[in-house]
Amino acid sequence: MIPCAPVEMRAPAPKSASFFSPAPTEQLPGYAAELEASARGWVTLPLWCVWVEPPGFDMWSKRWNDAVEISLSTWGTYLKLQRVSNPADAHLRLWRRNPPLQGGRASNGRALLSFENVQRGGKLKIEPLVDLLISPGIRKEAIRATSLHELGHGFGLWGHSSKSTDVMAAMPGPKPVTELSSRDHSTLRWLYSQPSGFGE
């Protein structure tokens, strides 16, 4: 099948009872012990079809787009990504908008995960769909750090690190993190070596 073939049909997947048994937490690299799998298992793919909301003609949307593209390029060093021009064909979509308040609190970014029955090339399977909402109303370095963090969630790192020097830190430090740390690398490598309920 053609990678990132156009989607012919998309519908919410039926809810699944959890079948996943977590790995023992002893001796796990980085912050892998803090990651959570979905009821369908680890949310990883051998190839991610990615769509980015195109910029408008104003400098603010172009600034947002520039920062997000740098973050995507960073993750593309470690994962196989393919860009698509239609958001309906994507596994992961980046939107230029403020996330809704959560518990009365604002945030710069949010990752929303769902599962859908998707037909591509006549083949029907369950795929993850991740929508990332990244605020355009922050400085460029913060957009880059926020999008790098939320992309980490989108690519399967559903959890946080306790160290502020990691991209997936639960609490940001005084300086935005714009490159993956060695702990980010080792956690990502571990995650993508685990069995997944998705893929070919």
C-alpha atoms as a PDB file:
ATOM      1  CA  MET A   1       0.000   0.000   0.000  1.00  0.00           C
ATOM      2  CA  ILE A   2       1.170   3.548  -0.729  1.00  0.00           C
ATOM      3  CA  PRO A   3       2.487   5.234   2.445  1.00  0.00           C
ATOM      4  CA  CYS A   4      -0.016   7.828   3.660  1.00  0.00           C
ATOM      5  CA  ALA A   5      -2.536   6.769   1.039  1.00  0.00           C
ATOM      6  CA  PRO A   6      -5.645   8.981   0.964  1.00  0.00           C
ATOM      7  CA  VAL A   7      -8.291   8.087   3.523  1.00  0.00           C
ATOM      8  CA  GLU A   8     -11.451   6.750   1.894  1.00  0.00           C
ATOM      9  CA  MET A   9     -13.480   6.394   5.087  1.00  0.00           C
ATOM     10  CA  ARG A  10     -13.022   7.461   8.706  1.00  0.00           C
ATOM     11  CA  ALA A  11     -15.238   6.719  11.714  1.00  0.00           C
ATOM     12  CA  PRO A  12     -14.718   6.559  15.489  1.00  0.00           C
ATOM     13  CA  ALA A  13     -13.364   3.175  16.557  1.00  0.00           C
ATOM     14  CA  PRO A  14     -15.402   1.182  19.053  1.00  0.00           C
ATOM     15  CA  LYS A  15     -14.235   1.455  22.642  1.00  0.00           C
ATOM     16  CA  SER A  16     -11.797  -1.245  23.647  1.00  0.00           C
ATOM     17  CA  ALA A  17     -11.397  -3.039  26.935  1.00  0.00           C
ATOM     18  CA  SER A  18      -7.806  -2.811  28.079  1.00  0.00           C
ATOM     19  CA  PHE A  19      -5.680  -5.718  26.920  1.00  0.00           C
ATOM     20  CA  PHE A  20      -2.376  -4.106  27.738  1.00  0.00           C
ATOM     21  CA  SER A  21       0.022  -5.393  30.393  1.00  0.00           C
ATOM     22  CA  PRO A  22       2.640  -2.775  31.293  1.00  0.00           C
ATOM     23  CA  ALA A  23       6.312  -3.673  31.302  1.00  0.00           C
ATOM     24  CA  PRO A  24       8.068  -4.019  34.670  1.00  0.00           C
ATOM     25  CA  THR A  25       9.334  -0.624  35.780  1.00  0.00           C
ATOM     26  CA  GLU A  26      12.733  -1.806  37.052  1.00  0.00           C
ATOM     27  CA  GLN A  27      15.718  -0.821  34.935  1.00  0.00           C
ATOM     28  CA  LEU A  28      13.737   1.113  32.353  1.00  0.00           C
ATOM     29  CA  PRO A  29      15.731   3.845  30.563  1.00  0.00           C
ATOM     30  CA  GLY A  30      15.101   7.561  30.962  1.00  0.00           C
ATOM     31  CA  TYR A  31      11.551   8.225  32.140  1.00  0.00           C
ATOM     32  CA  ALA A  32       9.993   5.189  30.396  1.00  0.00           C
ATOM     33  CA  ALA A  33       8.467   4.087  33.715  1.00  0.00           C
ATOM     34  CA  GLU A  34       6.367   7.275  33.674  1.00  0.00           C
ATOM     35  CA  LEU A  35       4.781   6.569  30.280  1.00  0.00           C
ATOM     36  CA  GLU A  36       1.204   5.361  29.974  1.00  0.00           C
ATOM     37  CA  ALA A  37      -0.066   3.092  27.247  1.00  0.00           C
ATOM     38  CA  SER A  38      -3.582   3.313  25.892  1.00  0.00           C
ATOM     39  CA  ALA A  39      -6.099   0.498  26.273  1.00  0.00           C
ATOM     40  CA  ARG A  40      -5.001  -0.498  22.766  1.00  0.00           C
ATOM     41  CA  GLY A  41      -1.317  -0.561  23.676  1.00  0.00           C
ATOM     42  CA  TRP A  42       1.583   1.766  22.962  1.00  0.00           C
ATOM     43  CA  VAL A  43       0.629   4.443  20.439  1.00  0.00           C
ATOM     44  CA  THR A  44       3.502   4.128  17.964  1.00  0.00           C
ATOM     45  CA  LEU A  45       3.642   3.848  14.182  1.00  0.00           C
ATOM     46  CA  PRO A  46       6.426   2.856  11.768  1.00  0.00           C
ATOM     47  CA  LEU A  47       5.427   5.887   9.664  1.00  0.00           C
ATOM     48  CA  TRP A  48       3.523   8.975  10.818  1.00  0.00           C
ATOM     49  CA  CYS A  49       1.442  10.888   8.271  1.00  0.00           C
ATOM     50  CA  VAL A  50       1.644  14.520   9.409  1.00  0.00           C
ATOM     51  CA  TRP A  51      -0.316  17.643   8.461  1.00  0.00           C
ATOM     52  CA  VAL A  52       0.481  21.206   9.567  1.00  0.00           C
ATOM     53  CA  GLU A  53      -2.027  24.042   9.338  1.00  0.00           C
ATOM     54  CA  PRO A  54      -0.643  26.305   6.581  1.00  0.00           C
ATOM     55  CA  PRO A  55       0.363  29.856   7.464  1.00  0.00           C
ATOM     56  CA  GLY A  56      -1.703  32.857   6.451  1.00  0.00           C
ATOM     57  CA  PHE A  57      -0.252  36.053   5.055  1.00  0.00           C
ATOM     58  CA  ASP A  58       0.398  37.657   8.449  1.00  0.00           C
ATOM     59  CA  MET A  59       3.777  37.580  10.181  1.00  0.00           C
ATOM     60  CA  TRP A  60       2.362  35.895  13.310  1.00  0.00           C
ATOM     61  CA  SER A  61       1.115  32.793  11.547  1.00  0.00           C
ATOM     62  CA  LYS A  62       4.370  32.586   9.584  1.00  0.00           C
ATOM     63  CA  ARG A  63       6.343  32.837  12.826  1.00  0.00           C
ATOM     64  CA  TRP A  64       4.243  30.014  14.295  1.00  0.00           C
ATOM     65  CA  ASN A  65       4.759  27.895  11.189  1.00  0.00           C
ATOM     66  CA  ASP A  66       8.540  28.451  11.183  1.00  0.00           C
ATOM     67  CA  ALA A  67       8.836  27.350  14.822  1.00  0.00           C
ATOM     68  CA  VAL A  68       6.620  24.285  14.358  1.00  0.00           C
ATOM     69  CA  GLU A  69       8.546  23.218  11.239  1.00  0.00           C
ATOM     70  CA  ILE A  70      11.811  23.286  13.223  1.00  0.00           C
ATOM     71  CA  SER A  71      10.248  21.069  15.901  1.00  0.00           C
ATOM     72  CA  LEU A  72       8.952  18.622  13.287  1.00  0.00           C
ATOM     73  CA  SER A  73      12.390  18.486  11.698  1.00  0.00           C
ATOM     74  CA  THR A  74      13.902  17.670  15.098  1.00  0.00           C
ATOM     75  CA  TRP A  75      11.552  14.708  15.619  1.00  0.00           C
ATOM     76  CA  GLY A  76      12.075  13.671  11.992  1.00  0.00           C
ATOM     77  CA  THR A  77      15.683  12.898  12.876  1.00  0.00           C
ATOM     78  CA  TYR A  78      14.453   9.998  15.027  1.00  0.00           C
ATOM     79  CA  LEU A  79      11.122   8.958  13.471  1.00  0.00           C
ATOM     80  CA  LYS A  80       9.826   8.330   9.958  1.00  0.00           C
ATOM     81  CA  LEU A  81       7.441  11.145   9.010  1.00  0.00           C
ATOM     82  CA  GLN A  82       5.606  11.866   5.778  1.00  0.00           C
ATOM     83  CA  ARG A  83       3.819  15.138   5.116  1.00  0.00           C
ATOM     84  CA  VAL A  84       0.308  15.137   3.697  1.00  0.00           C
ATOM     85  CA  SER A  85      -1.582  18.072   2.176  1.00  0.00           C
ATOM     86  CA  ASN A  86      -5.032  17.008   3.382  1.00  0.00           C
ATOM     87  CA  PRO A  87      -5.724  16.913   7.151  1.00  0.00           C
ATOM     88  CA  ALA A  88      -8.167  14.036   6.568  1.00  0.00           C
ATOM     89  CA  ASP A  89      -5.226  11.819   5.516  1.00  0.00           C
ATOM     90  CA  ALA A  90      -3.086  12.448   8.608  1.00  0.00           C
ATOM     91  CA  HIS A  91      -2.349  10.494  11.777  1.00  0.00           C
ATOM     92  CA  LEU A  92      -1.127  13.679  13.450  1.00  0.00           C
ATOM     93  CA  ARG A  93      -2.353  17.233  12.822  1.00  0.00           C
ATOM     94  CA  LEU A  94      -0.881  20.490  14.115  1.00  0.00           C
ATOM     95  CA  TRP A  95      -3.388  23.320  14.548  1.00  0.00           C
ATOM     96  CA  ARG A  96      -2.556  27.010  15.110  1.00  0.00           C
ATOM     97  CA  ARG A  97      -4.976  27.753  17.932  1.00  0.00           C
ATOM     98  CA  ASN A  98      -5.190  28.266  21.674  1.00  0.00           C
ATOM     99  CA  PRO A  99      -6.093  25.120  23.614  1.00  0.00           C
ATOM    100  CA  PRO A 100      -9.345  25.351  25.601  1.00  0.00           C
ATOM    101  CA  LEU A 101      -9.082  26.056  29.306  1.00  0.00           C
ATOM    102  CA  GLN A 102      -8.591  22.960  31.419  1.00  0.00           C
ATOM    103  CA  GLY A 103      -9.682  23.228  35.036  1.00  0.00           C
ATOM    104  CA  GLY A 104      -9.850  26.983  34.569  1.00  0.00           C
ATOM    105  CA  ARG A 105      -6.197  27.129  33.517  1.00  0.00           C
ATOM    106  CA  ALA A 106      -4.738  28.152  30.169  1.00  0.00           C
ATOM    107  CA  SER A 107      -1.908  26.279  28.458  1.00  0.00           C
ATOM    108  CA  ASN A 108       0.300  26.895  25.435  1.00  0.00           C
ATOM    109  CA  GLY A 109      -0.319  23.453  23.930  1.00  0.00           C
ATOM    110  CA  ARG A 110      -2.494  20.376  24.145  1.00  0.00           C
ATOM    111  CA  ALA A 111      -2.382  16.902  22.583  1.00  0.00           C
ATOM    112  CA  LEU A 112      -5.708  15.144  21.965  1.00  0.00           C
ATOM    113  CA  LEU A 113      -5.717  11.421  21.127  1.00  0.00           C
ATOM    114  CA  SER A 114      -8.524   9.376  19.598  1.00  0.00           C
ATOM    115  CA  PHE A 115      -8.772   6.109  17.683  1.00  0.00           C
ATOM    116  CA  GLU A 116     -10.595   5.693  14.401  1.00  0.00           C
ATOM    117  CA  ASN A 117     -11.558   3.024  11.911  1.00  0.00           C
ATOM    118  CA  VAL A 118      -9.762   4.167   8.761  1.00  0.00           C
ATOM    119  CA  GLN A 119      -9.887   2.771   5.251  1.00  0.00           C
ATOM    120  CA  ARG A 120      -6.875   3.433   3.027  1.00  0.00           C
ATOM    121  CA  GLY A 121      -6.384   1.690  -0.307  1.00  0.00           C
ATOM    122  CA  GLY A 122      -9.371  -0.525   0.410  1.00  0.00           C
ATOM    123  CA  LYS A 123      -7.843  -1.792   3.680  1.00  0.00           C
ATOM    124  CA  LEU A 124      -9.686  -1.089   6.942  1.00  0.00           C
ATOM    125  CA  LYS A 125      -7.797  -0.812  10.235  1.00  0.00           C
ATOM    126  CA  ILE A 126      -7.753   1.108  13.494  1.00  0.00           C
ATOM    127  CA  GLU A 127      -5.397   4.090  13.534  1.00  0.00           C
ATOM    128  CA  PRO A 128      -4.530   6.712  16.134  1.00  0.00           C
ATOM    129  CA  LEU A 129      -5.500  10.297  15.376  1.00  0.00           C
ATOM    130  CA  VAL A 130      -3.663  13.023  17.289  1.00  0.00           C
ATOM    131  CA  ASP A 131      -4.655  16.681  17.157  1.00  0.00           C
ATOM    132  CA  LEU A 132      -2.082  19.102  18.571  1.00  0.00           C
ATOM    133  CA  LEU A 133      -3.264  22.594  19.483  1.00  0.00           C
ATOM    134  CA  ILE A 134      -0.336  25.027  19.697  1.00  0.00           C
ATOM    135  CA  SER A 135      -0.941  28.626  20.723  1.00  0.00           C
ATOM    136  CA  PRO A 136       0.281  31.263  18.252  1.00  0.00           C
ATOM    137  CA  GLY A 137       0.231  34.004  20.881  1.00  0.00           C
ATOM    138  CA  ILE A 138       3.587  33.264  22.506  1.00  0.00           C
ATOM    139  CA  ARG A 139       7.164  34.072  21.548  1.00  0.00           C
ATOM    140  CA  LYS A 140       8.840  31.988  18.858  1.00  0.00           C
ATOM    141  CA  GLU A 141      11.179  30.091  21.203  1.00  0.00           C
ATOM    142  CA  ALA A 142       8.204  29.152  23.393  1.00  0.00           C
ATOM    143  CA  ILE A 143       6.247  27.980  20.323  1.00  0.00           C
ATOM    144  CA  ARG A 144       9.204  25.801  19.392  1.00  0.00           C
ATOM    145  CA  ALA A 145       9.537  24.319  22.893  1.00  0.00           C
ATOM    146  CA  THR A 146       5.771  23.807  23.227  1.00  0.00           C
ATOM    147  CA  SER A 147       5.402  22.149  19.833  1.00  0.00           C
ATOM    148  CA  LEU A 148       8.437  19.929  20.504  1.00  0.00           C
ATOM    149  CA  HIS A 149       6.834  18.788  23.783  1.00  0.00           C
ATOM    150  CA  GLU A 150       3.354  18.237  22.348  1.00  0.00           C
ATOM    151  CA  LEU A 151       4.788  16.390  19.346  1.00  0.00           C
ATOM    152  CA  GLY A 152       6.477  14.072  21.847  1.00  0.00           C
ATOM    153  CA  HIS A 153       3.041  13.207  23.225  1.00  0.00           C
ATOM    154  CA  GLY A 154       1.706  12.846  19.698  1.00  0.00           C
ATOM    155  CA  PHE A 155       4.446  10.392  18.742  1.00  0.00           C
ATOM    156  CA  GLY A 156       3.683   8.173  21.735  1.00  0.00           C
ATOM    157  CA  LEU A 157       5.389   9.678  24.786  1.00  0.00           C
ATOM    158  CA  TRP A 158       2.193   9.859  26.858  1.00  0.00           C
ATOM    159  CA  GLY A 159       3.785  10.812  30.145  1.00  0.00           C
ATOM    160  CA  HIS A 160       6.225  13.306  31.607  1.00  0.00           C
ATOM    161  CA  SER A 161       9.765  13.490  32.889  1.00  0.00           C
ATOM    162  CA  SER A 162      10.569  14.879  36.316  1.00  0.00           C
ATOM    163  CA  LYS A 163      13.696  16.625  34.944  1.00  0.00           C
ATOM    164  CA  SER A 164      13.281  20.119  33.504  1.00  0.00           C
ATOM    165  CA  THR A 165      16.119  19.558  31.011  1.00  0.00           C
ATOM    166  CA  ASP A 166      14.061  16.956  29.108  1.00  0.00           C
ATOM    167  CA  VAL A 167      11.716  17.899  26.252  1.00  0.00           C
ATOM    168  CA  MET A 168       8.963  15.953  28.013  1.00  0.00           C
ATOM    169  CA  ALA A 169       9.437  17.681  31.384  1.00  0.00           C
ATOM    170  CA  ALA A 170       6.283  17.959  33.480  1.00  0.00           C
ATOM    171  CA  MET A 171       7.337  21.441  34.609  1.00  0.00           C
ATOM    172  CA  PRO A 172       9.411  23.650  32.289  1.00  0.00           C
ATOM    173  CA  GLY A 173      12.616  25.117  33.604  1.00  0.00           C
ATOM    174  CA  PRO A 174      13.773  28.742  33.288  1.00  0.00           C
ATOM    175  CA  LYS A 175      14.995  28.158  29.712  1.00  0.00           C
ATOM    176  CA  PRO A 176      12.828  26.573  26.988  1.00  0.00           C
ATOM    177  CA  VAL A 177      14.088  23.128  25.912  1.00  0.00           C
ATOM    178  CA  THR A 178      14.398  23.030  22.117  1.00  0.00           C
ATOM    179  CA  GLU A 179      16.477  19.860  21.618  1.00  0.00           C
ATOM    180  CA  LEU A 180      15.941  16.283  22.768  1.00  0.00           C
ATOM    181  CA  SER A 181      18.061  15.259  25.741  1.00  0.00           C
ATOM    182  CA  SER A 182      19.859  11.922  26.094  1.00  0.00           C
ATOM    183  CA  ARG A 183      17.000  10.820  28.375  1.00  0.00           C
ATOM    184  CA  ASP A 184      14.456  11.764  25.696  1.00  0.00           C
ATOM    185  CA  HIS A 185      16.471   9.691  23.184  1.00  0.00           C
ATOM    186  CA  SER A 186      16.719   6.606  25.379  1.00  0.00           C
ATOM    187  CA  THR A 187      13.031   6.755  26.351  1.00  0.00           C
ATOM    188  CA  LEU A 188      11.972   7.100  22.712  1.00  0.00           C
ATOM    189  CA  ARG A 189      14.204   4.191  21.640  1.00  0.00           C
ATOM    190  CA  TRP A 190      12.713   2.010  24.385  1.00  0.00           C
ATOM    191  CA  LEU A 191       9.154   2.983  23.439  1.00  0.00           C
ATOM    192  CA  TYR A 192       9.632   2.137  19.758  1.00  0.00           C
ATOM    193  CA  SER A 193      11.115  -1.255  20.652  1.00  0.00           C
ATOM    194  CA  GLN A 194       7.858  -2.238  22.406  1.00  0.00           C
ATOM    195  CA  PRO A 195       5.027  -4.083  20.647  1.00  0.00           C
ATOM    196  CA  SER A 196       2.328  -1.813  19.266  1.00  0.00           C
ATOM    197  CA  GLY A 197      -1.248  -2.466  18.244  1.00  0.00           C
ATOM    198  CA  PHE A 198      -0.814  -0.189  15.228  1.00  0.00           C
ATOM    199  CA  GLY A 199       1.191  -0.168  12.023  1.00  0.00           C
ATOM    200  CA  GLU A 200       1.369  -2.386   8.966  1.00  0.00           C
END
